[in-house]
Amino acid sequence: MSSHAPRAAGAVAFARAQVGKPCVWGAAGPGSYDCAGLTQAAWRAAGVALPRAAHEQALAGTPVAAATMEPGDLVFFFDDDRHVGLHTGDGMMVHAPGPGSAVREEPIQGFGEAVVHRIVRPA
C-alpha cells in the first residue's frame, strides 16, 4: 500500500457518497457537481487542495501510467483534459458525466468514445 492510499481511500469514499447527485455545469457541491467540482471536493475531504478546473487538475500531481494506476488517481479524457473522473479501483471511476445526468460509478473505458488522455496522482 502506498503512502497515498489512506488519503485516496478518503477521496474515493467521499466521491462514492455523491453518487446519484445531479450533474450541473459549474457546480462544486454539496448538492450537485460538475466533473472537476466532484474531484476537487473529494480530495478536499481527504485534506488535499486541488485547482477548480479539470485542465488545471491535470497538472496538479504526479503523472502515472495506466498499469500503475491506484484508487484515488484522477483520470482525464480528451486532448484538452476537459473531463475528469476519480479512479475507484478495478477499472472503475466515479464522475459527473455532464449536465442532465447524475454522478455515477462506471467503467473508465465505458465513457463513450473518449479515451484516457492522462492519469495524475494528486497526493
N, C-alpha and C. Protein backbone atom coordinates (compact mmCIF):
# COMPACT_ATOMS: atom_id res chain seq x y z
N MET A 1 0.85 -1.18 0.00
CA MET A 1 0.00 0.00 0.00
C MET A 1 0.90 1.24 0.00
N SER A 2 0.63 2.16 -0.89
CA SER A 2 1.45 3.37 -0.99
C SER A 2 1.08 4.37 0.10
N SER A 3 1.92 5.38 0.27
CA SER A 3 1.64 6.42 1.26
C SER A 3 0.43 7.25 0.85
N HIS A 4 0.08 7.19 -0.40
CA HIS A 4 -1.07 7.94 -0.92
C HIS A 4 -2.38 7.23 -0.62
N ALA A 5 -2.33 5.96 -0.28
CA ALA A 5 -3.53 5.15 -0.12
C ALA A 5 -4.51 5.64 0.95
N PRO A 6 -4.09 6.03 2.15
CA PRO A 6 -5.09 6.47 3.14
C PRO A 6 -5.88 7.70 2.69
N ARG A 7 -5.20 8.69 2.13
CA ARG A 7 -5.92 9.87 1.64
C ARG A 7 -6.79 9.50 0.46
N ALA A 8 -6.26 8.67 -0.43
CA ALA A 8 -7.03 8.25 -1.60
C ALA A 8 -8.31 7.54 -1.18
N ALA A 9 -8.23 6.69 -0.16
CA ALA A 9 -9.42 5.99 0.33
C ALA A 9 -10.48 6.98 0.80
N GLY A 10 -10.05 8.05 1.44
CA GLY A 10 -10.99 9.09 1.87
C GLY A 10 -11.63 9.80 0.69
N ALA A 11 -10.83 10.09 -0.34
CA ALA A 11 -11.36 10.73 -1.54
C ALA A 11 -12.36 9.82 -2.24
N VAL A 12 -12.04 8.54 -2.36
CA VAL A 12 -12.93 7.58 -3.00
C VAL A 12 -14.24 7.46 -2.22
N ALA A 13 -14.15 7.35 -0.90
CA ALA A 13 -15.36 7.23 -0.08
C ALA A 13 -16.26 8.46 -0.25
N PHE A 14 -15.64 9.65 -0.26
CA PHE A 14 -16.42 10.87 -0.46
C PHE A 14 -17.11 10.84 -1.82
N ALA A 15 -16.35 10.52 -2.86
CA ALA A 15 -16.91 10.52 -4.22
C ALA A 15 -18.07 9.53 -4.34
N ARG A 16 -17.89 8.35 -3.79
CA ARG A 16 -18.96 7.34 -3.86
C ARG A 16 -20.22 7.82 -3.13
N ALA A 17 -20.05 8.59 -2.07
CA ALA A 17 -21.20 9.10 -1.32
C ALA A 17 -21.98 10.14 -2.13
N GLN A 18 -21.39 10.65 -3.20
CA GLN A 18 -22.07 11.66 -4.03
C GLN A 18 -22.85 11.02 -5.18
N VAL A 19 -22.71 9.71 -5.39
CA VAL A 19 -23.39 9.03 -6.49
C VAL A 19 -24.90 9.30 -6.39
N GLY A 20 -25.46 9.67 -7.54
CA GLY A 20 -26.89 9.96 -7.61
C GLY A 20 -27.21 11.44 -7.58
N LYS A 21 -26.25 12.27 -7.13
CA LYS A 21 -26.49 13.71 -7.12
C LYS A 21 -26.43 14.25 -8.55
N PRO A 22 -27.16 15.33 -8.83
CA PRO A 22 -27.21 15.85 -10.20
C PRO A 22 -25.89 16.47 -10.66
N CYS A 23 -25.64 16.32 -11.95
CA CYS A 23 -24.50 16.98 -12.60
C CYS A 23 -25.00 18.33 -13.11
N VAL A 24 -24.33 19.39 -12.68
CA VAL A 24 -24.68 20.74 -13.09
C VAL A 24 -23.39 21.46 -13.46
N TRP A 25 -23.36 22.06 -14.64
CA TRP A 25 -22.19 22.79 -15.11
C TRP A 25 -21.79 23.85 -14.09
N GLY A 26 -20.53 23.86 -13.68
CA GLY A 26 -20.02 24.85 -12.74
C GLY A 26 -20.28 24.57 -11.29
N ALA A 27 -20.93 23.45 -10.96
CA ALA A 27 -21.28 23.15 -9.57
C ALA A 27 -20.14 22.43 -8.86
N ALA A 28 -19.91 22.84 -7.61
CA ALA A 28 -18.85 22.25 -6.80
C ALA A 28 -19.38 21.71 -5.48
N GLY A 29 -20.66 21.34 -5.44
CA GLY A 29 -21.25 20.72 -4.26
C GLY A 29 -21.83 21.71 -3.30
N PRO A 30 -22.44 21.24 -2.25
CA PRO A 30 -22.61 19.83 -1.92
C PRO A 30 -23.82 19.16 -2.57
N GLY A 31 -24.73 19.93 -3.17
CA GLY A 31 -25.94 19.33 -3.73
C GLY A 31 -25.81 18.83 -5.14
N SER A 32 -24.86 19.38 -5.89
CA SER A 32 -24.63 18.97 -7.28
C SER A 32 -23.18 19.25 -7.64
N TYR A 33 -22.73 18.63 -8.72
CA TYR A 33 -21.32 18.73 -9.10
C TYR A 33 -21.16 18.74 -10.61
N ASP A 34 -20.06 19.36 -11.07
CA ASP A 34 -19.55 19.05 -12.40
C ASP A 34 -18.34 18.15 -12.17
N CYS A 35 -17.71 17.70 -13.24
CA CYS A 35 -16.66 16.68 -13.07
C CYS A 35 -15.52 17.15 -12.17
N ALA A 36 -15.00 18.34 -12.42
CA ALA A 36 -13.87 18.84 -11.64
C ALA A 36 -14.30 19.27 -10.24
N GLY A 37 -15.52 19.74 -10.10
CA GLY A 37 -16.03 20.09 -8.78
C GLY A 37 -16.10 18.86 -7.88
N LEU A 38 -16.46 17.72 -8.47
CA LEU A 38 -16.53 16.47 -7.72
C LEU A 38 -15.15 16.01 -7.27
N THR A 39 -14.18 16.00 -8.20
CA THR A 39 -12.84 15.53 -7.82
C THR A 39 -12.19 16.49 -6.84
N GLN A 40 -12.42 17.79 -7.02
CA GLN A 40 -11.87 18.77 -6.07
C GLN A 40 -12.45 18.56 -4.68
N ALA A 41 -13.78 18.37 -4.59
CA ALA A 41 -14.43 18.16 -3.29
C ALA A 41 -13.98 16.85 -2.65
N ALA A 42 -13.82 15.81 -3.45
CA ALA A 42 -13.40 14.51 -2.92
C ALA A 42 -12.01 14.60 -2.29
N TRP A 43 -11.09 15.21 -3.01
CA TRP A 43 -9.74 15.33 -2.47
C TRP A 43 -9.67 16.35 -1.33
N ARG A 44 -10.52 17.39 -1.36
CA ARG A 44 -10.56 18.33 -0.23
C ARG A 44 -10.98 17.59 1.03
N ALA A 45 -11.96 16.67 0.89
CA ALA A 45 -12.41 15.88 2.04
C ALA A 45 -11.28 15.02 2.60
N ALA A 46 -10.29 14.71 1.76
CA ALA A 46 -9.14 13.90 2.18
C ALA A 46 -7.96 14.78 2.59
N GLY A 47 -8.17 16.10 2.61
CA GLY A 47 -7.13 17.01 3.08
C GLY A 47 -6.16 17.49 2.01
N VAL A 48 -6.53 17.35 0.74
CA VAL A 48 -5.66 17.76 -0.36
C VAL A 48 -6.36 18.83 -1.20
N ALA A 49 -5.71 19.96 -1.40
CA ALA A 49 -6.28 21.04 -2.21
C ALA A 49 -5.94 20.82 -3.68
N LEU A 50 -6.96 20.90 -4.53
CA LEU A 50 -6.79 20.81 -5.98
C LEU A 50 -7.35 22.09 -6.61
N PRO A 51 -6.84 22.47 -7.78
CA PRO A 51 -7.43 23.59 -8.50
C PRO A 51 -8.88 23.27 -8.89
N ARG A 52 -9.62 24.26 -9.34
CA ARG A 52 -11.04 24.09 -9.64
C ARG A 52 -11.30 23.44 -11.00
N ALA A 53 -10.55 23.79 -12.02
CA ALA A 53 -10.84 23.32 -13.37
C ALA A 53 -10.11 22.01 -13.69
N ALA A 54 -10.74 21.18 -14.52
CA ALA A 54 -10.15 19.88 -14.87
C ALA A 54 -8.78 20.05 -15.51
N HIS A 55 -8.64 20.98 -16.45
CA HIS A 55 -7.35 21.12 -17.14
C HIS A 55 -6.26 21.60 -16.18
N GLU A 56 -6.63 22.29 -15.09
CA GLU A 56 -5.65 22.68 -14.07
C GLU A 56 -5.33 21.49 -13.15
N GLN A 57 -6.33 20.69 -12.83
CA GLN A 57 -6.10 19.50 -12.02
C GLN A 57 -5.16 18.52 -12.72
N ALA A 58 -5.21 18.50 -14.05
CA ALA A 58 -4.35 17.60 -14.83
C ALA A 58 -2.87 17.88 -14.60
N LEU A 59 -2.55 19.08 -14.14
CA LEU A 59 -1.16 19.47 -13.91
C LEU A 59 -0.81 19.51 -12.42
N ALA A 60 -1.76 19.12 -11.57
CA ALA A 60 -1.60 19.25 -10.11
C ALA A 60 -1.32 17.91 -9.45
N GLY A 61 -0.32 17.23 -9.91
CA GLY A 61 0.03 15.96 -9.30
C GLY A 61 1.12 15.28 -10.09
N THR A 62 1.32 14.02 -9.78
CA THR A 62 2.36 13.23 -10.44
C THR A 62 1.72 12.37 -11.52
N PRO A 63 2.17 12.49 -12.77
CA PRO A 63 1.63 11.62 -13.82
C PRO A 63 1.97 10.15 -13.52
N VAL A 64 1.02 9.26 -13.79
CA VAL A 64 1.24 7.83 -13.60
C VAL A 64 0.77 7.08 -14.85
N ALA A 65 1.34 5.92 -15.06
CA ALA A 65 0.95 5.07 -16.18
C ALA A 65 -0.30 4.28 -15.81
N ALA A 66 -1.07 3.93 -16.82
CA ALA A 66 -2.29 3.16 -16.58
C ALA A 66 -2.00 1.86 -15.82
N ALA A 67 -0.86 1.25 -16.08
CA ALA A 67 -0.51 -0.02 -15.42
C ALA A 67 -0.26 0.15 -13.93
N THR A 68 0.03 1.36 -13.48
CA THR A 68 0.32 1.60 -12.06
C THR A 68 -0.76 2.45 -11.39
N MET A 69 -1.89 2.61 -12.06
CA MET A 69 -2.99 3.41 -11.51
C MET A 69 -3.50 2.80 -10.21
N GLU A 70 -3.80 3.68 -9.24
CA GLU A 70 -4.32 3.26 -7.94
C GLU A 70 -5.62 3.99 -7.67
N PRO A 71 -6.46 3.46 -6.76
CA PRO A 71 -7.65 4.20 -6.37
C PRO A 71 -7.29 5.61 -5.91
N GLY A 72 -8.10 6.57 -6.31
CA GLY A 72 -7.87 7.97 -5.96
C GLY A 72 -7.20 8.75 -7.06
N ASP A 73 -6.56 8.06 -8.00
CA ASP A 73 -5.92 8.77 -9.12
C ASP A 73 -6.99 9.45 -9.97
N LEU A 74 -6.62 10.56 -10.56
CA LEU A 74 -7.52 11.30 -11.44
C LEU A 74 -7.29 10.85 -12.87
N VAL A 75 -8.39 10.57 -13.56
CA VAL A 75 -8.33 10.09 -14.93
C VAL A 75 -8.93 11.18 -15.83
N PHE A 76 -8.13 11.64 -16.79
CA PHE A 76 -8.54 12.74 -17.66
C PHE A 76 -8.81 12.24 -19.07
N PHE A 77 -9.81 12.84 -19.69
CA PHE A 77 -10.24 12.46 -21.02
C PHE A 77 -10.14 13.64 -21.98
N PHE A 78 -9.98 13.34 -23.25
CA PHE A 78 -9.90 14.31 -24.34
C PHE A 78 -8.54 15.00 -24.33
N ASP A 79 -8.12 15.46 -25.49
CA ASP A 79 -6.80 16.08 -25.65
C ASP A 79 -6.61 17.32 -24.78
N ASP A 80 -7.72 17.97 -24.42
CA ASP A 80 -7.61 19.18 -23.61
C ASP A 80 -7.93 18.93 -22.13
N ASP A 81 -7.98 17.67 -21.73
CA ASP A 81 -8.24 17.29 -20.32
C ASP A 81 -9.52 17.93 -19.78
N ARG A 82 -10.57 18.02 -20.61
CA ARG A 82 -11.78 18.72 -20.18
C ARG A 82 -12.73 17.89 -19.33
N HIS A 83 -12.45 16.59 -19.18
CA HIS A 83 -13.29 15.76 -18.31
C HIS A 83 -12.39 14.95 -17.39
N VAL A 84 -12.81 14.84 -16.13
CA VAL A 84 -12.01 14.10 -15.14
C VAL A 84 -12.93 13.21 -14.31
N GLY A 85 -12.39 12.04 -13.98
CA GLY A 85 -13.07 11.11 -13.07
C GLY A 85 -12.09 10.67 -12.00
N LEU A 86 -12.60 10.09 -10.94
CA LEU A 86 -11.79 9.61 -9.82
C LEU A 86 -11.76 8.09 -9.87
N HIS A 87 -10.58 7.52 -10.10
CA HIS A 87 -10.43 6.07 -10.17
C HIS A 87 -10.76 5.46 -8.82
N THR A 88 -11.61 4.43 -8.82
CA THR A 88 -12.01 3.79 -7.57
C THR A 88 -11.45 2.38 -7.43
N GLY A 89 -10.75 1.91 -8.45
CA GLY A 89 -10.17 0.57 -8.43
C GLY A 89 -10.85 -0.33 -9.45
N ASP A 90 -10.15 -1.37 -9.86
CA ASP A 90 -10.68 -2.37 -10.78
C ASP A 90 -11.24 -1.77 -12.06
N GLY A 91 -10.59 -0.71 -12.58
CA GLY A 91 -11.01 -0.12 -13.84
C GLY A 91 -12.27 0.71 -13.76
N MET A 92 -12.68 1.09 -12.56
CA MET A 92 -13.90 1.86 -12.36
C MET A 92 -13.56 3.29 -11.94
N MET A 93 -14.50 4.20 -12.14
CA MET A 93 -14.33 5.57 -11.70
C MET A 93 -15.68 6.15 -11.27
N VAL A 94 -15.63 7.14 -10.39
CA VAL A 94 -16.79 7.97 -10.07
C VAL A 94 -16.57 9.27 -10.81
N HIS A 95 -17.62 9.73 -11.50
CA HIS A 95 -17.52 11.00 -12.21
C HIS A 95 -18.89 11.63 -12.39
N ALA A 96 -18.87 12.89 -12.76
CA ALA A 96 -20.07 13.63 -13.11
C ALA A 96 -20.07 13.75 -14.63
N PRO A 97 -20.79 12.86 -15.34
CA PRO A 97 -20.68 12.78 -16.79
C PRO A 97 -21.04 14.05 -17.55
N GLY A 98 -21.99 14.82 -17.05
CA GLY A 98 -22.36 16.05 -17.74
C GLY A 98 -23.74 16.50 -17.32
N PRO A 99 -24.08 17.75 -17.64
CA PRO A 99 -25.39 18.30 -17.26
C PRO A 99 -26.53 17.40 -17.73
N GLY A 100 -27.51 17.25 -16.86
CA GLY A 100 -28.66 16.42 -17.18
C GLY A 100 -28.51 14.97 -16.74
N SER A 101 -27.33 14.60 -16.27
CA SER A 101 -27.11 13.25 -15.77
C SER A 101 -26.86 13.32 -14.27
N ALA A 102 -26.47 12.21 -13.69
CA ALA A 102 -26.18 12.16 -12.27
C ALA A 102 -24.78 11.59 -12.06
N VAL A 103 -24.18 11.95 -10.93
CA VAL A 103 -22.88 11.39 -10.55
C VAL A 103 -23.05 9.88 -10.51
N ARG A 104 -22.07 9.17 -11.09
CA ARG A 104 -22.17 7.71 -11.11
C ARG A 104 -20.79 7.06 -11.10
N GLU A 105 -20.81 5.78 -10.74
CA GLU A 105 -19.60 4.96 -10.80
C GLU A 105 -19.78 4.00 -11.96
N GLU A 106 -18.79 3.99 -12.86
CA GLU A 106 -18.88 3.14 -14.04
C GLU A 106 -17.48 2.83 -14.55
N PRO A 107 -17.36 1.90 -15.50
CA PRO A 107 -16.03 1.57 -16.03
C PRO A 107 -15.39 2.77 -16.71
N ILE A 108 -14.10 2.94 -16.48
CA ILE A 108 -13.35 4.02 -17.13
C ILE A 108 -13.50 3.90 -18.64
N GLN A 109 -13.39 2.70 -19.16
CA GLN A 109 -13.46 2.52 -20.60
C GLN A 109 -14.88 2.65 -21.14
N GLY A 110 -15.86 2.81 -20.27
CA GLY A 110 -17.25 2.94 -20.72
C GLY A 110 -17.68 4.37 -20.97
N PHE A 111 -16.77 5.32 -20.89
CA PHE A 111 -17.13 6.73 -21.06
C PHE A 111 -17.18 7.07 -22.54
N GLY A 112 -18.23 6.61 -23.18
CA GLY A 112 -18.45 6.93 -24.59
C GLY A 112 -17.25 6.55 -25.45
N GLU A 113 -16.96 7.40 -26.41
CA GLU A 113 -15.86 7.17 -27.34
C GLU A 113 -14.55 7.79 -26.84
N ALA A 114 -14.62 8.45 -25.69
CA ALA A 114 -13.43 9.13 -25.18
C ALA A 114 -12.38 8.13 -24.74
N VAL A 115 -11.14 8.49 -24.93
CA VAL A 115 -10.05 7.66 -24.46
C VAL A 115 -9.32 8.41 -23.35
N VAL A 116 -8.68 7.67 -22.48
CA VAL A 116 -7.93 8.28 -21.39
C VAL A 116 -6.76 9.05 -21.99
N HIS A 117 -6.65 10.29 -21.60
CA HIS A 117 -5.58 11.16 -22.10
C HIS A 117 -4.43 11.24 -21.10
N ARG A 118 -4.76 11.24 -19.80
CA ARG A 118 -3.74 11.44 -18.78
C ARG A 118 -4.27 10.87 -17.46
N ILE A 119 -3.35 10.40 -16.62
CA ILE A 119 -3.67 9.94 -15.28
C ILE A 119 -2.72 10.65 -14.32
N VAL A 120 -3.28 11.21 -13.25
CA VAL A 120 -2.48 12.00 -12.31
C VAL A 120 -2.79 11.55 -10.88
N ARG A 121 -1.75 11.44 -10.07
CA ARG A 121 -1.89 11.12 -8.65
C ARG A 121 -1.73 12.43 -7.86
N PRO A 122 -2.83 12.90 -7.23
CA PRO A 122 -2.76 14.20 -6.54
C PRO A 122 -1.97 14.20 -5.24
N ALA A 123 -1.90 13.09 -4.51
CA ALA A 123 -1.23 13.12 -3.21
C ALA A 123 -0.42 11.84 -2.99
